[in-house]
């Protein structure tokens, strides 16, 4: 039997276009993961980029590796 890769499901909510035509998209489960676009597809792509940014550590975004003592955590959510 092959191992099953863990996964997490997210929900993207799209607002109706505003007066200027912008569509706001947000990932409901992740505060701060929101963006906008002129089309639904553009808003989707942009909110996925925002989600990647929110879930990426600050050190990784800055290209730094900390010399501090690190502790890794494995989070298992019950289904």
PDB file of N, CA and C in Angstrom:
ATOM      1  N   UNK A   1       0.841  -1.169   0.000  1.00  0.00           N
ATOM      2  CA  UNK A   1       0.000   0.000   0.000  1.00  0.00           C
ATOM      3  C   UNK A   1       0.896   1.245   0.000  1.00  0.00           C
ATOM      4  N   UNK A   2       0.565   2.206  -0.847  1.00  0.00           N
ATOM      5  CA  UNK A   2       1.367   3.427  -0.915  1.00  0.00           C
ATOM      6  C   UNK A   2       0.897   4.422   0.137  1.00  0.00           C
ATOM      7  N   UNK A   3       1.838   5.231   0.671  1.00  0.00           N
ATOM      8  CA  UNK A   3       1.450   6.208   1.692  1.00  0.00           C
ATOM      9  C   UNK A   3       0.535   7.277   1.098  1.00  0.00           C
ATOM     10  N   UNK A   4      -0.382   7.748   1.909  1.00  0.00           N
ATOM     11  CA  UNK A   4      -1.303   8.798   1.494  1.00  0.00           C
ATOM     12  C   UNK A   4      -0.733  10.144   1.916  1.00  0.00           C
ATOM     13  N   UNK A   5      -0.626  11.048   0.971  1.00  0.00           N
ATOM     14  CA  UNK A   5      -0.110  12.385   1.277  1.00  0.00           C
ATOM     15  C   UNK A   5      -1.177  13.161   2.036  1.00  0.00           C
ATOM     16  N   UNK A   6      -0.785  13.826   3.133  1.00  0.00           N
ATOM     17  CA  UNK A   6      -1.772  14.619   3.871  1.00  0.00           C
ATOM     18  C   UNK A   6      -2.234  15.795   3.025  1.00  0.00           C
ATOM     19  N   UNK A   7      -3.465  16.175   3.233  1.00  0.00           N
ATOM     20  CA  UNK A   7      -3.969  17.334   2.502  1.00  0.00           C
ATOM     21  C   UNK A   7      -4.924  18.115   3.390  1.00  0.00           C
ATOM     22  N   UNK A   8      -5.098  19.364   3.044  1.00  0.00           N
ATOM     23  CA  UNK A   8      -6.028  20.252   3.736  1.00  0.00           C
ATOM     24  C   UNK A   8      -6.889  20.900   2.660  1.00  0.00           C
ATOM     25  N   UNK A   9      -8.173  20.916   2.880  1.00  0.00           N
ATOM     26  CA  UNK A   9      -9.074  21.568   1.941  1.00  0.00           C
ATOM     27  C   UNK A   9      -9.317  23.004   2.387  1.00  0.00           C
ATOM     28  N   UNK A  10      -9.312  23.917   1.433  1.00  0.00           N
ATOM     29  CA  UNK A  10      -9.592  25.321   1.687  1.00  0.00           C
ATOM     30  C   UNK A  10     -10.774  25.757   0.828  1.00  0.00           C
ATOM     31  N   UNK A  11     -11.411  26.836   1.234  1.00  0.00           N
ATOM     32  CA  UNK A  11     -12.551  27.390   0.501  1.00  0.00           C
ATOM     33  C   UNK A  11     -12.229  28.810   0.079  1.00  0.00           C
ATOM     34  N   UNK A  12     -12.374  29.107  -1.210  1.00  0.00           N
ATOM     35  CA  UNK A  12     -12.194  30.465  -1.714  1.00  0.00           C
ATOM     36  C   UNK A  12     -13.579  31.081  -1.901  1.00  0.00           C
ATOM     37  N   UNK A  13     -13.789  32.237  -1.282  1.00  0.00           N
ATOM     38  CA  UNK A  13     -15.041  32.987  -1.443  1.00  0.00           C
ATOM     39  C   UNK A  13     -14.767  34.177  -2.348  1.00  0.00           C
ATOM     40  N   UNK A  14     -15.646  34.388  -3.310  1.00  0.00           N
ATOM     41  CA  UNK A  14     -15.516  35.497  -4.257  1.00  0.00           C
ATOM     42  C   UNK A  14     -16.641  36.500  -4.012  1.00  0.00           C
ATOM     43  N   UNK A  15     -16.281  37.788  -3.892  1.00  0.00           N
ATOM     44  CA  UNK A  15     -17.283  38.844  -3.806  1.00  0.00           C
ATOM     45  C   UNK A  15     -17.732  39.215  -5.210  1.00  0.00           C
ATOM     46  N   UNK A  16     -18.900  39.816  -5.285  1.00  0.00           N
ATOM     47  CA  UNK A  16     -19.361  40.365  -6.566  1.00  0.00           C
ATOM     48  C   UNK A  16     -18.435  41.529  -6.942  1.00  0.00           C
ATOM     49  N   UNK A  17     -18.251  41.782  -8.233  1.00  0.00           N
ATOM     50  CA  UNK A  17     -17.396  42.912  -8.631  1.00  0.00           C
ATOM     51  C   UNK A  17     -17.892  44.228  -8.019  1.00  0.00           C
ATOM     52  N   UNK A  18     -16.933  45.067  -7.587  1.00  0.00           N
ATOM     53  CA  UNK A  18     -17.307  46.370  -7.046  1.00  0.00           C
ATOM     54  C   UNK A  18     -17.552  47.353  -8.196  1.00  0.00           C
ATOM     55  N   UNK A  19     -17.740  48.619  -7.864  1.00  0.00           N
ATOM     56  CA  UNK A  19     -18.056  49.636  -8.878  1.00  0.00           C
ATOM     57  C   UNK A  19     -16.966  49.782  -9.940  1.00  0.00           C
ATOM     58  N   UNK A  20     -15.712  49.504  -9.542  1.00  0.00           N
ATOM     59  CA  UNK A  20     -14.596  49.600 -10.490  1.00  0.00           C
ATOM     60  C   UNK A  20     -14.319  48.272 -11.194  1.00  0.00           C
ATOM     61  N   UNK A  21     -15.080  47.238 -10.869  1.00  0.00           N
ATOM     62  CA  UNK A  21     -14.915  45.951 -11.541  1.00  0.00           C
ATOM     63  C   UNK A  21     -13.996  44.971 -10.838  1.00  0.00           C
ATOM     64  N   UNK A  22     -13.475  45.308  -9.658  1.00  0.00           N
ATOM     65  CA  UNK A  22     -12.571  44.413  -8.937  1.00  0.00           C
ATOM     66  C   UNK A  22     -13.364  43.330  -8.214  1.00  0.00           C
ATOM     67  N   UNK A  23     -12.876  42.106  -8.290  1.00  0.00           N
ATOM     68  CA  UNK A  23     -13.460  40.979  -7.579  1.00  0.00           C
ATOM     69  C   UNK A  23     -12.511  40.611  -6.446  1.00  0.00           C
ATOM     70  N   UNK A  24     -13.011  40.627  -5.223  1.00  0.00           N
ATOM     71  CA  UNK A  24     -12.206  40.246  -4.059  1.00  0.00           C
ATOM     72  C   UNK A  24     -12.393  38.751  -3.812  1.00  0.00           C
ATOM     73  N   UNK A  25     -11.282  38.067  -3.559  1.00  0.00           N
ATOM     74  CA  UNK A  25     -11.297  36.644  -3.229  1.00  0.00           C
ATOM     75  C   UNK A  25     -10.579  36.458  -1.901  1.00  0.00           C
ATOM     76  N   UNK A  26     -11.113  35.567  -1.069  1.00  0.00           N
ATOM     77  CA  UNK A  26     -10.480  35.294   0.228  1.00  0.00           C
ATOM     78  C   UNK A  26     -10.546  33.802   0.511  1.00  0.00           C
ATOM     79  N   UNK A  27      -9.519  33.315   1.216  1.00  0.00           N
ATOM     80  CA  UNK A  27      -9.511  31.927   1.685  1.00  0.00           C
ATOM     81  C   UNK A  27     -10.143  31.970   3.071  1.00  0.00           C
ATOM     82  N   UNK A  28     -11.310  31.365   3.216  1.00  0.00           N
ATOM     83  CA  UNK A  28     -12.091  31.499   4.441  1.00  0.00           C
ATOM     84  C   UNK A  28     -11.384  30.945   5.671  1.00  0.00           C
ATOM     85  N   UNK A  29     -10.611  29.908   5.511  1.00  0.00           N
ATOM     86  CA  UNK A  29      -9.976  29.251   6.644  1.00  0.00           C
ATOM     87  C   UNK A  29      -8.665  29.907   7.091  1.00  0.00           C
ATOM     88  N   UNK A  30      -8.160  30.881   6.327  1.00  0.00           N
ATOM     89  CA  UNK A  30      -6.848  31.472   6.620  1.00  0.00           C
ATOM     90  C   UNK A  30      -6.957  32.993   6.679  1.00  0.00           C
ATOM     91  N   UNK A  31      -7.030  33.555   7.886  1.00  0.00           N
ATOM     92  CA  UNK A  31      -7.096  35.013   7.999  1.00  0.00           C
ATOM     93  C   UNK A  31      -5.904  35.672   7.297  1.00  0.00           C
ATOM     94  N   UNK A  32      -6.183  36.713   6.550  1.00  0.00           N
ATOM     95  CA  UNK A  32      -5.119  37.431   5.854  1.00  0.00           C
ATOM     96  C   UNK A  32      -4.853  36.947   4.449  1.00  0.00           C
ATOM     97  N   UNK A  33      -5.428  35.815   4.062  1.00  0.00           N
ATOM     98  CA  UNK A  33      -5.242  35.305   2.698  1.00  0.00           C
ATOM     99  C   UNK A  33      -6.377  35.856   1.837  1.00  0.00           C
ATOM    100  N   UNK A  34      -6.145  37.050   1.299  1.00  0.00           N
ATOM    101  CA  UNK A  34      -7.130  37.660   0.421  1.00  0.00           C
ATOM    102  C   UNK A  34      -6.430  38.476  -0.638  1.00  0.00           C
ATOM    103  N   UNK A  35      -7.126  38.657  -1.750  1.00  0.00           N
ATOM    104  CA  UNK A  35      -6.575  39.425  -2.853  1.00  0.00           C
ATOM    105  C   UNK A  35      -7.730  39.832  -3.756  1.00  0.00           C
ATOM    106  N   UNK A  36      -7.397  40.353  -4.915  1.00  0.00           N
ATOM    107  CA  UNK A  36      -8.421  40.790  -5.856  1.00  0.00           C
ATOM    108  C   UNK A  36      -7.926  40.620  -7.279  1.00  0.00           C
ATOM    109  N   UNK A  37      -8.825  40.743  -8.216  1.00  0.00           N
ATOM    110  CA  UNK A  37      -8.483  40.676  -9.626  1.00  0.00           C
ATOM    111  C   UNK A  37      -9.612  41.252 -10.455  1.00  0.00           C
ATOM    112  N   UNK A  38      -9.324  41.503 -11.720  1.00  0.00           N
ATOM    113  CA  UNK A  38     -10.342  42.042 -12.629  1.00  0.00           C
ATOM    114  C   UNK A  38     -11.296  40.948 -13.105  1.00  0.00           C
ATOM    115  N   UNK A  39     -10.834  39.696 -13.079  1.00  0.00           N
ATOM    116  CA  UNK A  39     -11.679  38.553 -13.425  1.00  0.00           C
ATOM    117  C   UNK A  39     -11.653  37.570 -12.267  1.00  0.00           C
ATOM    118  N   UNK A  40     -12.585  36.641 -12.262  1.00  0.00           N
ATOM    119  CA  UNK A  40     -12.619  35.626 -11.207  1.00  0.00           C
ATOM    120  C   UNK A  40     -11.333  34.790 -11.239  1.00  0.00           C
ATOM    121  N   UNK A  41     -10.868  34.425 -12.428  1.00  0.00           N
ATOM    122  CA  UNK A  41      -9.640  33.631 -12.552  1.00  0.00           C
ATOM    123  C   UNK A  41      -8.428  34.406 -12.033  1.00  0.00           C
ATOM    124  N   UNK A  42      -8.334  35.694 -12.367  1.00  0.00           N
ATOM    125  CA  UNK A  42      -7.226  36.511 -11.865  1.00  0.00           C
ATOM    126  C   UNK A  42      -7.290  36.629 -10.344  1.00  0.00           C
ATOM    127  N   UNK A  43      -8.495  36.829  -9.798  1.00  0.00           N
ATOM    128  CA  UNK A  43      -8.654  36.901  -8.344  1.00  0.00           C
ATOM    129  C   UNK A  43      -8.255  35.574  -7.706  1.00  0.00           C
ATOM    130  N   UNK A  44      -8.616  34.457  -8.342  1.00  0.00           N
ATOM    131  CA  UNK A  44      -8.245  33.126  -7.826  1.00  0.00           C
ATOM    132  C   UNK A  44      -6.729  32.956  -7.797  1.00  0.00           C
ATOM    133  N   UNK A  45      -6.069  33.276  -8.905  1.00  0.00           N
ATOM    134  CA  UNK A  45      -4.604  33.161  -8.964  1.00  0.00           C
ATOM    135  C   UNK A  45      -3.951  34.049  -7.909  1.00  0.00           C
ATOM    136  N   UNK A  46      -4.450  35.267  -7.752  1.00  0.00           N
ATOM    137  CA  UNK A  46      -3.863  36.200  -6.788  1.00  0.00           C
ATOM    138  C   UNK A  46      -4.080  35.748  -5.347  1.00  0.00           C
ATOM    139  N   UNK A  47      -5.254  35.189  -5.039  1.00  0.00           N
ATOM    140  CA  UNK A  47      -5.490  34.739  -3.667  1.00  0.00           C
ATOM    141  C   UNK A  47      -4.674  33.485  -3.365  1.00  0.00           C
ATOM    142  N   UNK A  48      -4.396  32.657  -4.365  1.00  0.00           N
ATOM    143  CA  UNK A  48      -3.514  31.510  -4.146  1.00  0.00           C
ATOM    144  C   UNK A  48      -2.095  31.980  -3.847  1.00  0.00           C
ATOM    145  N   UNK A  49      -1.632  33.034  -4.528  1.00  0.00           N
ATOM    146  CA  UNK A  49      -0.329  33.625  -4.201  1.00  0.00           C
ATOM    147  C   UNK A  49      -0.328  34.174  -2.777  1.00  0.00           C
ATOM    148  N   UNK A  50      -1.423  34.830  -2.384  1.00  0.00           N
ATOM    149  CA  UNK A  50      -1.526  35.356  -1.021  1.00  0.00           C
ATOM    150  C   UNK A  50      -1.493  34.220  -0.003  1.00  0.00           C
ATOM    151  N   UNK A  51      -2.169  33.110  -0.298  1.00  0.00           N
ATOM    152  CA  UNK A  51      -2.159  31.955   0.600  1.00  0.00           C
ATOM    153  C   UNK A  51      -0.751  31.400   0.757  1.00  0.00           C
ATOM    154  N   UNK A  52      -0.021  31.276  -0.345  1.00  0.00           N
ATOM    155  CA  UNK A  52       1.367  30.797  -0.281  1.00  0.00           C
ATOM    156  C   UNK A  52       2.209  31.726   0.599  1.00  0.00           C
ATOM    157  N   UNK A  53       2.005  33.026   0.457  1.00  0.00           N
ATOM    158  CA  UNK A  53       2.766  33.992   1.248  1.00  0.00           C
ATOM    159  C   UNK A  53       2.427  33.872   2.733  1.00  0.00           C
ATOM    160  N   UNK A  54       1.141  33.764   3.055  1.00  0.00           N
ATOM    161  CA  UNK A  54       0.726  33.644   4.453  1.00  0.00           C
ATOM    162  C   UNK A  54       1.293  32.372   5.081  1.00  0.00           C
ATOM    163  N   UNK A  55       1.390  31.300   4.314  1.00  0.00           N
ATOM    164  CA  UNK A  55       1.844  30.015   4.854  1.00  0.00           C
ATOM    165  C   UNK A  55       3.354  29.808   4.763  1.00  0.00           C
ATOM    166  N   UNK A  56       4.086  30.799   4.253  1.00  0.00           N
ATOM    167  CA  UNK A  56       5.543  30.717   4.148  1.00  0.00           C
ATOM    168  C   UNK A  56       6.173  31.501   5.294  1.00  0.00           C
ATOM    169  N   UNK A  57       7.151  30.898   5.944  1.00  0.00           N
ATOM    170  CA  UNK A  57       7.780  31.572   7.085  1.00  0.00           C
ATOM    171  C   UNK A  57       8.501  32.851   6.639  1.00  0.00           C
ATOM    172  N   UNK A  58       8.602  33.812   7.568  1.00  0.00           N
ATOM    173  CA  UNK A  58       9.273  35.073   7.269  1.00  0.00           C
ATOM    174  C   UNK A  58      10.729  34.857   6.870  1.00  0.00           C
ATOM    175  N   UNK A  59      11.425  33.939   7.558  1.00  0.00           N
ATOM    176  CA  UNK A  59      12.823  33.661   7.220  1.00  0.00           C
ATOM    177  C   UNK A  59      12.948  33.113   5.804  1.00  0.00           C
ATOM    178  N   UNK A  60      12.026  32.238   5.427  1.00  0.00           N
ATOM    179  CA  UNK A  60      12.074  31.669   4.080  1.00  0.00           C
ATOM    180  C   UNK A  60      11.793  32.739   3.037  1.00  0.00           C
ATOM    181  N   UNK A  61      10.841  33.620   3.317  1.00  0.00           N
ATOM    182  CA  UNK A  61      10.534  34.706   2.382  1.00  0.00           C
ATOM    183  C   UNK A  61      11.735  35.630   2.197  1.00  0.00           C
ATOM    184  N   UNK A  62      12.477  35.862   3.281  1.00  0.00           N
ATOM    185  CA  UNK A  62      13.636  36.756   3.223  1.00  0.00           C
ATOM    186  C   UNK A  62      14.890  36.041   2.739  1.00  0.00           C
ATOM    187  N   UNK A  63      14.800  34.723   2.551  1.00  0.00           N
ATOM    188  CA  UNK A  63      15.962  33.968   2.096  1.00  0.00           C
ATOM    189  C   UNK A  63      16.976  33.721   3.186  1.00  0.00           C
ATOM    190  N   UNK A  64      16.566  33.852   4.453  1.00  0.00           N
ATOM    191  CA  UNK A  64      17.480  33.659   5.579  1.00  0.00           C
ATOM    192  C   UNK A  64      17.217  32.306   6.220  1.00  0.00           C
ATOM    193  N   UNK A  65      18.266  31.779   6.789  1.00  0.00           N
ATOM    194  CA  UNK A  65      18.145  30.568   7.595  1.00  0.00           C
ATOM    195  C   UNK A  65      18.640  30.909   8.985  1.00  0.00           C
ATOM    196  N   UNK A  66      17.793  30.704   9.954  1.00  0.00           N
ATOM    197  CA  UNK A  66      18.130  31.067  11.320  1.00  0.00           C
ATOM    198  C   UNK A  66      19.094  30.054  11.923  1.00  0.00           C
ATOM    199  N   UNK A  67      20.040  30.534  12.723  1.00  0.00           N
ATOM    200  CA  UNK A  67      20.950  29.668  13.450  1.00  0.00           C
ATOM    201  C   UNK A  67      20.395  29.278  14.804  1.00  0.00           C
ATOM    202  N   UNK A  68      19.187  29.737  15.104  1.00  0.00           N
ATOM    203  CA  UNK A  68      18.568  29.437  16.381  1.00  0.00           C
ATOM    204  C   UNK A  68      18.203  27.965  16.472  1.00  0.00           C
ATOM    205  N   UNK A  69      18.053  27.502  17.697  1.00  0.00           N
ATOM    206  CA  UNK A  69      17.581  26.151  17.936  1.00  0.00           C
ATOM    207  C   UNK A  69      16.134  26.072  17.466  1.00  0.00           C
ATOM    208  N   UNK A  70      15.831  25.151  16.578  1.00  0.00           N
ATOM    209  CA  UNK A  70      14.497  25.038  16.014  1.00  0.00           C
ATOM    210  C   UNK A  70      13.817  23.770  16.502  1.00  0.00           C
ATOM    211  N   UNK A  71      12.532  23.838  16.674  1.00  0.00           N
ATOM    212  CA  UNK A  71      11.739  22.663  17.003  1.00  0.00           C
ATOM    213  C   UNK A  71      10.683  22.511  15.918  1.00  0.00           C
ATOM    214  N   UNK A  72      10.614  21.342  15.317  1.00  0.00           N
ATOM    215  CA  UNK A  72       9.628  21.080  14.272  1.00  0.00           C
ATOM    216  C   UNK A  72       8.381  20.479  14.897  1.00  0.00           C
ATOM    217  N   UNK A  73       7.252  20.846  14.360  1.00  0.00           N
ATOM    218  CA  UNK A  73       5.969  20.408  14.870  1.00  0.00           C
ATOM    219  C   UNK A  73       5.210  19.706  13.772  1.00  0.00           C
ATOM    220  N   UNK A  74       4.664  18.568  14.057  1.00  0.00           N
ATOM    221  CA  UNK A  74       3.775  17.882  13.120  1.00  0.00           C
ATOM    222  C   UNK A  74       2.363  18.026  13.655  1.00  0.00           C
ATOM    223  N   UNK A  75       1.512  18.625  12.853  1.00  0.00           N
ATOM    224  CA  UNK A  75       0.122  18.837  13.237  1.00  0.00           C
ATOM    225  C   UNK A  75      -0.738  17.816  12.514  1.00  0.00           C
ATOM    226  N   UNK A  76      -1.520  17.080  13.266  1.00  0.00           N
ATOM    227  CA  UNK A  76      -2.426  16.090  12.686  1.00  0.00           C
ATOM    228  C   UNK A  76      -3.835  16.487  13.073  1.00  0.00           C
ATOM    229  N   UNK A  77      -4.646  16.767  12.096  1.00  0.00           N
ATOM    230  CA  UNK A  77      -6.040  17.131  12.355  1.00  0.00           C
ATOM    231  C   UNK A  77      -6.906  15.898  12.251  1.00  0.00           C
ATOM    232  N   UNK A  78      -7.779  15.719  13.210  1.00  0.00           N
ATOM    233  CA  UNK A  78      -8.701  14.590  13.175  1.00  0.00           C
ATOM    234  C   UNK A  78      -9.764  14.843  12.119  1.00  0.00           C
ATOM    235  N   UNK A  79     -10.074  13.809  11.380  1.00  0.00           N
ATOM    236  CA  UNK A  79     -11.087  13.938  10.319  1.00  0.00           C
ATOM    237  C   UNK A  79     -12.474  13.717  10.865  1.00  0.00           C
TER     238      UNK A  79
END
